[in-house]
Amino acid sequence: DFIETPEGLLFAVLSGIAEAGRIPAYLRYQRTPKGLQKVATADARELLATQEDRFYFDSDSRAIRLQGIAFKDIFR
């Protein structure tokens, strides 16, 4: 399953169980005028680094920092 943000970022859902008000998910695609573009892991980190507090959270259950989408940022 995928979650999309209003900006057209598509995240692959890691777990349907929310943590800290977010769904754990990793950025995989970005909408562009030409359609969906796959985002490499290194590129995803770079793209999200400018908004780290929005797209990352500290997972208590996994004891690591994960990408995740807050419910308010889910477009579809």
PDB file of N, CA and C in Angstrom:
ATOM      1  N   ASP A   1       0.839  -1.185   0.000  1.00  0.00           N
ATOM      2  CA  ASP A   1       0.000   0.000   0.000  1.00  0.00           C
ATOM      3  C   ASP A   1       0.881   1.245   0.000  1.00  0.00           C
ATOM      4  N   PHE A   2       0.326   2.318  -0.541  1.00  0.00           N
ATOM      5  CA  PHE A   2       1.038   3.588  -0.612  1.00  0.00           C
ATOM      6  C   PHE A   2       0.197   4.698  -0.009  1.00  0.00           C
ATOM      7  N   ILE A   3       0.883   5.685   0.535  1.00  0.00           N
ATOM      8  CA  ILE A   3       0.269   6.913   1.032  1.00  0.00           C
ATOM      9  C   ILE A   3       0.850   8.046   0.199  1.00  0.00           C
ATOM     10  N   GLU A   4      -0.017   8.979  -0.197  1.00  0.00           N
ATOM     11  CA  GLU A   4       0.449  10.127  -0.976  1.00  0.00           C
ATOM     12  C   GLU A   4       0.235  11.413  -0.190  1.00  0.00           C
ATOM     13  N   THR A   5       1.220  12.308  -0.264  1.00  0.00           N
ATOM     14  CA  THR A   5       1.107  13.621   0.365  1.00  0.00           C
ATOM     15  C   THR A   5       0.539  14.609  -0.654  1.00  0.00           C
ATOM     16  N   PRO A   6       0.084  15.782  -0.210  1.00  0.00           N
ATOM     17  CA  PRO A   6      -0.431  16.784  -1.154  1.00  0.00           C
ATOM     18  C   PRO A   6       0.592  17.211  -2.208  1.00  0.00           C
ATOM     19  N   GLU A   7       1.893  17.093  -1.902  1.00  0.00           N
ATOM     20  CA  GLU A   7       2.948  17.469  -2.858  1.00  0.00           C
ATOM     21  C   GLU A   7       3.225  16.402  -3.897  1.00  0.00           C
ATOM     22  N   GLY A   8       2.559  15.255  -3.792  1.00  0.00           N
ATOM     23  CA  GLY A   8       2.781  14.189  -4.755  1.00  0.00           C
ATOM     24  C   GLY A   8       3.906  13.244  -4.394  1.00  0.00           C
ATOM     25  N   LEU A   9       4.246  13.163  -3.119  1.00  0.00           N
ATOM     26  CA  LEU A   9       5.237  12.192  -2.662  1.00  0.00           C
ATOM     27  C   LEU A   9       4.494  10.925  -2.267  1.00  0.00           C
ATOM     28  N   LEU A  10       4.913   9.778  -2.802  1.00  0.00           N
ATOM     29  CA  LEU A  10       4.262   8.504  -2.496  1.00  0.00           C
ATOM     30  C   LEU A  10       5.183   7.657  -1.630  1.00  0.00           C
ATOM     31  N   PHE A  11       4.663   7.261  -0.490  1.00  0.00           N
ATOM     32  CA  PHE A  11       5.404   6.488   0.496  1.00  0.00           C
ATOM     33  C   PHE A  11       4.850   5.076   0.556  1.00  0.00           C
ATOM     34  N   ALA A  12       5.729   4.085   0.557  1.00  0.00           N
ATOM     35  CA  ALA A  12       5.343   2.684   0.742  1.00  0.00           C
ATOM     36  C   ALA A  12       5.144   2.457   2.238  1.00  0.00           C
ATOM     37  N   VAL A  13       3.978   1.935   2.595  1.00  0.00           N
ATOM     38  CA  VAL A  13       3.641   1.730   4.003  1.00  0.00           C
ATOM     39  C   VAL A  13       4.462   0.577   4.575  1.00  0.00           C
ATOM     40  N   LEU A  14       5.152   0.852   5.665  1.00  0.00           N
ATOM     41  CA  LEU A  14       5.945  -0.159   6.358  1.00  0.00           C
ATOM     42  C   LEU A  14       5.064  -0.946   7.327  1.00  0.00           C
ATOM     43  N   SER A  15       4.177  -0.227   8.001  1.00  0.00           N
ATOM     44  CA  SER A  15       3.284  -0.843   8.976  1.00  0.00           C
ATOM     45  C   SER A  15       2.007  -0.022   9.048  1.00  0.00           C
ATOM     46  N   GLY A  16       0.879  -0.695   9.138  1.00  0.00           N
ATOM     47  CA  GLY A  16      -0.395  -0.002   9.276  1.00  0.00           C
ATOM     48  C   GLY A  16      -0.673   0.432  10.700  1.00  0.00           C
ATOM     49  N   ILE A  17       0.250   0.139  11.597  1.00  0.00           N
ATOM     50  CA  ILE A  17       0.088   0.513  13.000  1.00  0.00           C
ATOM     51  C   ILE A  17       0.785   1.850  13.224  1.00  0.00           C
ATOM     52  N   ALA A  18       0.007   2.847  13.595  1.00  0.00           N
ATOM     53  CA  ALA A  18       0.549   4.189  13.793  1.00  0.00           C
ATOM     54  C   ALA A  18       1.424   4.259  15.038  1.00  0.00           C
ATOM     55  N   GLU A  19       2.446   5.086  14.939  1.00  0.00           N
ATOM     56  CA  GLU A  19       3.325   5.386  16.072  1.00  0.00           C
ATOM     57  C   GLU A  19       3.508   6.892  16.116  1.00  0.00           C
ATOM     58  N   ALA A  20       3.361   7.472  17.281  1.00  0.00           N
ATOM     59  CA  ALA A  20       3.567   8.918  17.453  1.00  0.00           C
ATOM     60  C   ALA A  20       2.731   9.720  16.456  1.00  0.00           C
ATOM     61  N   GLY A  21       1.521   9.233  16.161  1.00  0.00           N
ATOM     62  CA  GLY A  21       0.632   9.942  15.243  1.00  0.00           C
ATOM     63  C   GLY A  21       1.030   9.854  13.787  1.00  0.00           C
ATOM     64  N   ARG A  22       1.849   8.888  13.444  1.00  0.00           N
ATOM     65  CA  ARG A  22       2.332   8.734  12.065  1.00  0.00           C
ATOM     66  C   ARG A  22       2.220   7.286  11.615  1.00  0.00           C
ATOM     67  N   ILE A  23       2.128   7.127  10.308  1.00  0.00           N
ATOM     68  CA  ILE A  23       2.183   5.803   9.697  1.00  0.00           C
ATOM     69  C   ILE A  23       3.616   5.597   9.210  1.00  0.00           C
ATOM     70  N   PRO A  24       4.323   4.592   9.716  1.00  0.00           N
ATOM     71  CA  PRO A  24       5.681   4.330   9.231  1.00  0.00           C
ATOM     72  C   PRO A  24       5.650   3.970   7.739  1.00  0.00           C
ATOM     73  N   ALA A  25       6.418   4.694   6.948  1.00  0.00           N
ATOM     74  CA  ALA A  25       6.430   4.487   5.500  1.00  0.00           C
ATOM     75  C   ALA A  25       7.701   5.102   4.924  1.00  0.00           C
ATOM     76  N   TYR A  26       8.126   4.586   3.769  1.00  0.00           N
ATOM     77  CA  TYR A  26       9.336   5.078   3.112  1.00  0.00           C
ATOM     78  C   TYR A  26       9.002   5.687   1.758  1.00  0.00           C
ATOM     79  N   LEU A  27       9.636   6.827   1.462  1.00  0.00           N
ATOM     80  CA  LEU A  27       9.425   7.495   0.183  1.00  0.00           C
ATOM     81  C   LEU A  27       9.936   6.613  -0.950  1.00  0.00           C
ATOM     82  N   ARG A  28       9.086   6.360  -1.939  1.00  0.00           N
ATOM     83  CA  ARG A  28       9.469   5.523  -3.081  1.00  0.00           C
ATOM     84  C   ARG A  28       9.243   6.205  -4.427  1.00  0.00           C
ATOM     85  N   TYR A  29       8.217   7.068  -4.541  1.00  0.00           N
ATOM     86  CA  TYR A  29       7.900   7.712  -5.821  1.00  0.00           C
ATOM     87  C   TYR A  29       7.559   9.177  -5.605  1.00  0.00           C
ATOM     88  N   GLN A  30       7.725   9.951  -6.681  1.00  0.00           N
ATOM     89  CA  GLN A  30       7.343  11.353  -6.679  1.00  0.00           C
ATOM     90  C   GLN A  30       6.580  11.629  -7.968  1.00  0.00           C
ATOM     91  N   ARG A  31       5.441  12.308  -7.842  1.00  0.00           N
ATOM     92  CA  ARG A  31       4.687  12.696  -9.044  1.00  0.00           C
ATOM     93  C   ARG A  31       5.417  13.839  -9.739  1.00  0.00           C
ATOM     94  N   THR A  32       5.554  13.718 -11.037  1.00  0.00           N
ATOM     95  CA  THR A  32       6.162  14.765 -11.858  1.00  0.00           C
ATOM     96  C   THR A  32       5.214  15.018 -13.031  1.00  0.00           C
ATOM     97  N   PRO A  33       5.445  16.066 -13.805  1.00  0.00           N
ATOM     98  CA  PRO A  33       4.601  16.293 -14.982  1.00  0.00           C
ATOM     99  C   PRO A  33       4.603  15.110 -15.957  1.00  0.00           C
ATOM    100  N   LYS A  34       5.661  14.287 -15.926  1.00  0.00           N
ATOM    101  CA  LYS A  34       5.749  13.129 -16.821  1.00  0.00           C
ATOM    102  C   LYS A  34       5.183  11.859 -16.200  1.00  0.00           C
ATOM    103  N   GLY A  35       4.689  11.934 -14.961  1.00  0.00           N
ATOM    104  CA  GLY A  35       4.150  10.757 -14.280  1.00  0.00           C
ATOM    105  C   GLY A  35       4.931  10.449 -13.018  1.00  0.00           C
ATOM    106  N   LEU A  36       4.802   9.218 -12.550  1.00  0.00           N
ATOM    107  CA  LEU A  36       5.506   8.818 -11.335  1.00  0.00           C
ATOM    108  C   LEU A  36       6.976   8.553 -11.625  1.00  0.00           C
ATOM    109  N   GLN A  37       7.831   9.061 -10.742  1.00  0.00           N
ATOM    110  CA  GLN A  37       9.269   8.842 -10.868  1.00  0.00           C
ATOM    111  C   GLN A  37       9.744   8.118  -9.613  1.00  0.00           C
ATOM    112  N   LYS A  38      10.464   7.008  -9.790  1.00  0.00           N
ATOM    113  CA  LYS A  38      11.017   6.269  -8.649  1.00  0.00           C
ATOM    114  C   LYS A  38      12.086   7.123  -7.988  1.00  0.00           C
ATOM    115  N   VAL A  39      12.083   7.130  -6.662  1.00  0.00           N
ATOM    116  CA  VAL A  39      13.064   7.897  -5.898  1.00  0.00           C
ATOM    117  C   VAL A  39      14.015   6.912  -5.217  1.00  0.00           C
ATOM    118  N   ALA A  40      15.290   6.991  -5.540  1.00  0.00           N
ATOM    119  CA  ALA A  40      16.295   6.129  -4.908  1.00  0.00           C
ATOM    120  C   ALA A  40      16.405   6.480  -3.425  1.00  0.00           C
ATOM    121  N   THR A  41      16.835   5.531  -2.620  1.00  0.00           N
ATOM    122  CA  THR A  41      16.911   5.730  -1.174  1.00  0.00           C
ATOM    123  C   THR A  41      17.757   6.943  -0.806  1.00  0.00           C
ATOM    124  N   ALA A  42      18.922   7.082  -1.401  1.00  0.00           N
ATOM    125  CA  ALA A  42      19.794   8.223  -1.096  1.00  0.00           C
ATOM    126  C   ALA A  42      19.133   9.535  -1.499  1.00  0.00           C
ATOM    127  N   ASP A  43      18.453   9.541  -2.644  1.00  0.00           N
ATOM    128  CA  ASP A  43      17.753  10.740  -3.099  1.00  0.00           C
ATOM    129  C   ASP A  43      16.586  11.074  -2.174  1.00  0.00           C
ATOM    130  N   ALA A  44      15.916  10.046  -1.667  1.00  0.00           N
ATOM    131  CA  ALA A  44      14.798  10.261  -0.740  1.00  0.00           C
ATOM    132  C   ALA A  44      15.294  10.936   0.530  1.00  0.00           C
ATOM    133  N   ARG A  45      16.402  10.452   1.058  1.00  0.00           N
ATOM    134  CA  ARG A  45      16.962  11.065   2.272  1.00  0.00           C
ATOM    135  C   ARG A  45      17.295  12.531   2.036  1.00  0.00           C
ATOM    136  N   GLU A  46      17.890  12.817   0.889  1.00  0.00           N
ATOM    137  CA  GLU A  46      18.262  14.194   0.560  1.00  0.00           C
ATOM    138  C   GLU A  46      17.019  15.069   0.389  1.00  0.00           C
ATOM    139  N   LEU A  47      16.022  14.553  -0.305  1.00  0.00           N
ATOM    140  CA  LEU A  47      14.789  15.298  -0.545  1.00  0.00           C
ATOM    141  C   LEU A  47      14.060  15.608   0.760  1.00  0.00           C
ATOM    142  N   LEU A  48      14.012  14.638   1.659  1.00  0.00           N
ATOM    143  CA  LEU A  48      13.274  14.806   2.909  1.00  0.00           C
ATOM    144  C   LEU A  48      14.071  15.533   3.988  1.00  0.00           C
ATOM    145  N   ALA A  49      15.371  15.648   3.816  1.00  0.00           N
ATOM    146  CA  ALA A  49      16.214  16.280   4.837  1.00  0.00           C
ATOM    147  C   ALA A  49      15.808  17.722   5.109  1.00  0.00           C
ATOM    148  N   THR A  50      15.300  18.405   4.103  1.00  0.00           N
ATOM    149  CA  THR A  50      14.899  19.800   4.289  1.00  0.00           C
ATOM    150  C   THR A  50      13.647  19.925   5.157  1.00  0.00           C
ATOM    151  N   GLN A  51      12.902  18.832   5.307  1.00  0.00           N
ATOM    152  CA  GLN A  51      11.685  18.827   6.115  1.00  0.00           C
ATOM    153  C   GLN A  51      11.719  17.657   7.098  1.00  0.00           C
ATOM    154  N   GLU A  52      12.876  17.449   7.705  1.00  0.00           N
ATOM    155  CA  GLU A  52      13.098  16.254   8.517  1.00  0.00           C
ATOM    156  C   GLU A  52      12.055  16.070   9.616  1.00  0.00           C
ATOM    157  N   ASP A  53      11.684  17.136  10.305  1.00  0.00           N
ATOM    158  CA  ASP A  53      10.705  17.001  11.389  1.00  0.00           C
ATOM    159  C   ASP A  53       9.336  16.578  10.877  1.00  0.00           C
ATOM    160  N   ARG A  54       9.057  16.879   9.635  1.00  0.00           N
ATOM    161  CA  ARG A  54       7.757  16.513   9.057  1.00  0.00           C
ATOM    162  C   ARG A  54       7.708  15.050   8.633  1.00  0.00           C
ATOM    163  N   PHE A  55       8.800  14.513   8.136  1.00  0.00           N
ATOM    164  CA  PHE A  55       8.790  13.175   7.549  1.00  0.00           C
ATOM    165  C   PHE A  55       9.582  12.119   8.319  1.00  0.00           C
ATOM    166  N   TYR A  56      10.160  12.472   9.443  1.00  0.00           N
ATOM    167  CA  TYR A  56      10.897  11.503  10.263  1.00  0.00           C
ATOM    168  C   TYR A  56      10.374  11.536  11.688  1.00  0.00           C
ATOM    169  N   PHE A  57      10.469  10.407  12.365  1.00  0.00           N
ATOM    170  CA  PHE A  57      10.107  10.343  13.778  1.00  0.00           C
ATOM    171  C   PHE A  57      10.930   9.256  14.448  1.00  0.00           C
ATOM    172  N   ASP A  58      11.023   9.335  15.758  1.00  0.00           N
ATOM    173  CA  ASP A  58      11.738   8.325  16.539  1.00  0.00           C
ATOM    174  C   ASP A  58      10.758   7.233  16.926  1.00  0.00           C
ATOM    175  N   SER A  59      11.004   6.038  16.433  1.00  0.00           N
ATOM    176  CA  SER A  59      10.140   4.894  16.711  1.00  0.00           C
ATOM    177  C   SER A  59      10.540   4.259  18.036  1.00  0.00           C
ATOM    178  N   ASP A  60       9.631   4.287  18.995  1.00  0.00           N
ATOM    179  CA  ASP A  60       9.897   3.647  20.283  1.00  0.00           C
ATOM    180  C   ASP A  60       9.920   2.130  20.145  1.00  0.00           C
ATOM    181  N   SER A  61       9.045   1.580  19.304  1.00  0.00           N
ATOM    182  CA  SER A  61       8.962   0.121  19.181  1.00  0.00           C
ATOM    183  C   SER A  61      10.176  -0.476  18.469  1.00  0.00           C
ATOM    184  N   ARG A  62      10.794   0.304  17.576  1.00  0.00           N
ATOM    185  CA  ARG A  62      11.956  -0.194  16.831  1.00  0.00           C
ATOM    186  C   ARG A  62      13.271   0.418  17.304  1.00  0.00           C
ATOM    187  N   ALA A  63      13.174   1.427  18.157  1.00  0.00           N
ATOM    188  CA  ALA A  63      14.344   2.123  18.711  1.00  0.00           C
ATOM    189  C   ALA A  63      15.252   2.694  17.620  1.00  0.00           C
ATOM    190  N   ILE A  64      14.639   3.222  16.547  1.00  0.00           N
ATOM    191  CA  ILE A  64      15.382   3.880  15.467  1.00  0.00           C
ATOM    192  C   ILE A  64      14.560   5.054  14.947  1.00  0.00           C
ATOM    193  N   ARG A  65      15.195   5.886  14.136  1.00  0.00           N
ATOM    194  CA  ARG A  65      14.510   7.003  13.478  1.00  0.00           C
ATOM    195  C   ARG A  65      13.991   6.494  12.139  1.00  0.00           C
ATOM    196  N   LEU A  66      12.697   6.707  11.890  1.00  0.00           N
ATOM    197  CA  LEU A  66      12.051   6.216  10.669  1.00  0.00           C
ATOM    198  C   LEU A  66      11.394   7.345   9.896  1.00  0.00           C
ATOM    199  N   GLN A  67      11.188   7.096   8.606  1.00  0.00           N
ATOM    200  CA  GLN A  67      10.320   7.970   7.834  1.00  0.00           C
ATOM    201  C   GLN A  67       8.884   7.606   8.193  1.00  0.00           C
ATOM    202  N   GLY A  68       8.028   8.603   8.227  1.00  0.00           N
ATOM    203  CA  GLY A  68       6.625   8.350   8.514  1.00  0.00           C
ATOM    204  C   GLY A  68       5.781   9.557   8.158  1.00  0.00           C
ATOM    205  N   ILE A  69       4.510   9.299   7.898  1.00  0.00           N
ATOM    206  CA  ILE A  69       3.594  10.347   7.476  1.00  0.00           C
ATOM    207  C   ILE A  69       2.577  10.601   8.574  1.00  0.00           C
ATOM    208  N   ALA A  70       2.461  11.868   8.982  1.00  0.00           N
ATOM    209  CA  ALA A  70       1.438  12.259   9.948  1.00  0.00           C
ATOM    210  C   ALA A  70       0.074  12.185   9.259  1.00  0.00           C
ATOM    211  N   PHE A  71      -0.945  11.872  10.020  1.00  0.00           N
ATOM    212  CA  PHE A  71      -2.288  11.748   9.454  1.00  0.00           C
ATOM    213  C   PHE A  71      -2.701  13.013   8.708  1.00  0.00           C
ATOM    214  N   LYS A  72      -2.317  14.181   9.217  1.00  0.00           N
ATOM    215  CA  LYS A  72      -2.702  15.450   8.573  1.00  0.00           C
ATOM    216  C   LYS A  72      -2.050  15.629   7.205  1.00  0.00           C
ATOM    217  N   ASP A  73      -0.979  14.894   6.927  1.00  0.00           N
ATOM    218  CA  ASP A  73      -0.262  15.013   5.652  1.00  0.00           C
ATOM    219  C   ASP A  73      -0.681  13.972   4.619  1.00  0.00           C
ATOM    220  N   ILE A  74      -1.671  13.154   4.948  1.00  0.00           N
ATOM    221  CA  ILE A  74      -2.128  12.129   4.004  1.00  0.00           C
ATOM    222  C   ILE A  74      -3.149  12.740   3.052  1.00  0.00           C
ATOM    223  N   PHE A  75      -2.809  12.719   1.775  1.00  0.00           N
ATOM    224  CA  PHE A  75      -3.712  13.212   0.730  1.00  0.00           C
ATOM    225  C   PHE A  75      -4.604  12.078   0.247  1.00  0.00           C
ATOM    226  N   ARG A  76      -3.997  10.923  -0.001  1.00  0.00           N
ATOM    227  CA  ARG A  76      -4.750   9.713  -0.362  1.00  0.00           C
ATOM    228  C   ARG A  76      -3.902   8.486  -0.165  1.00  0.00           C
TER     229      ARG A  76
END
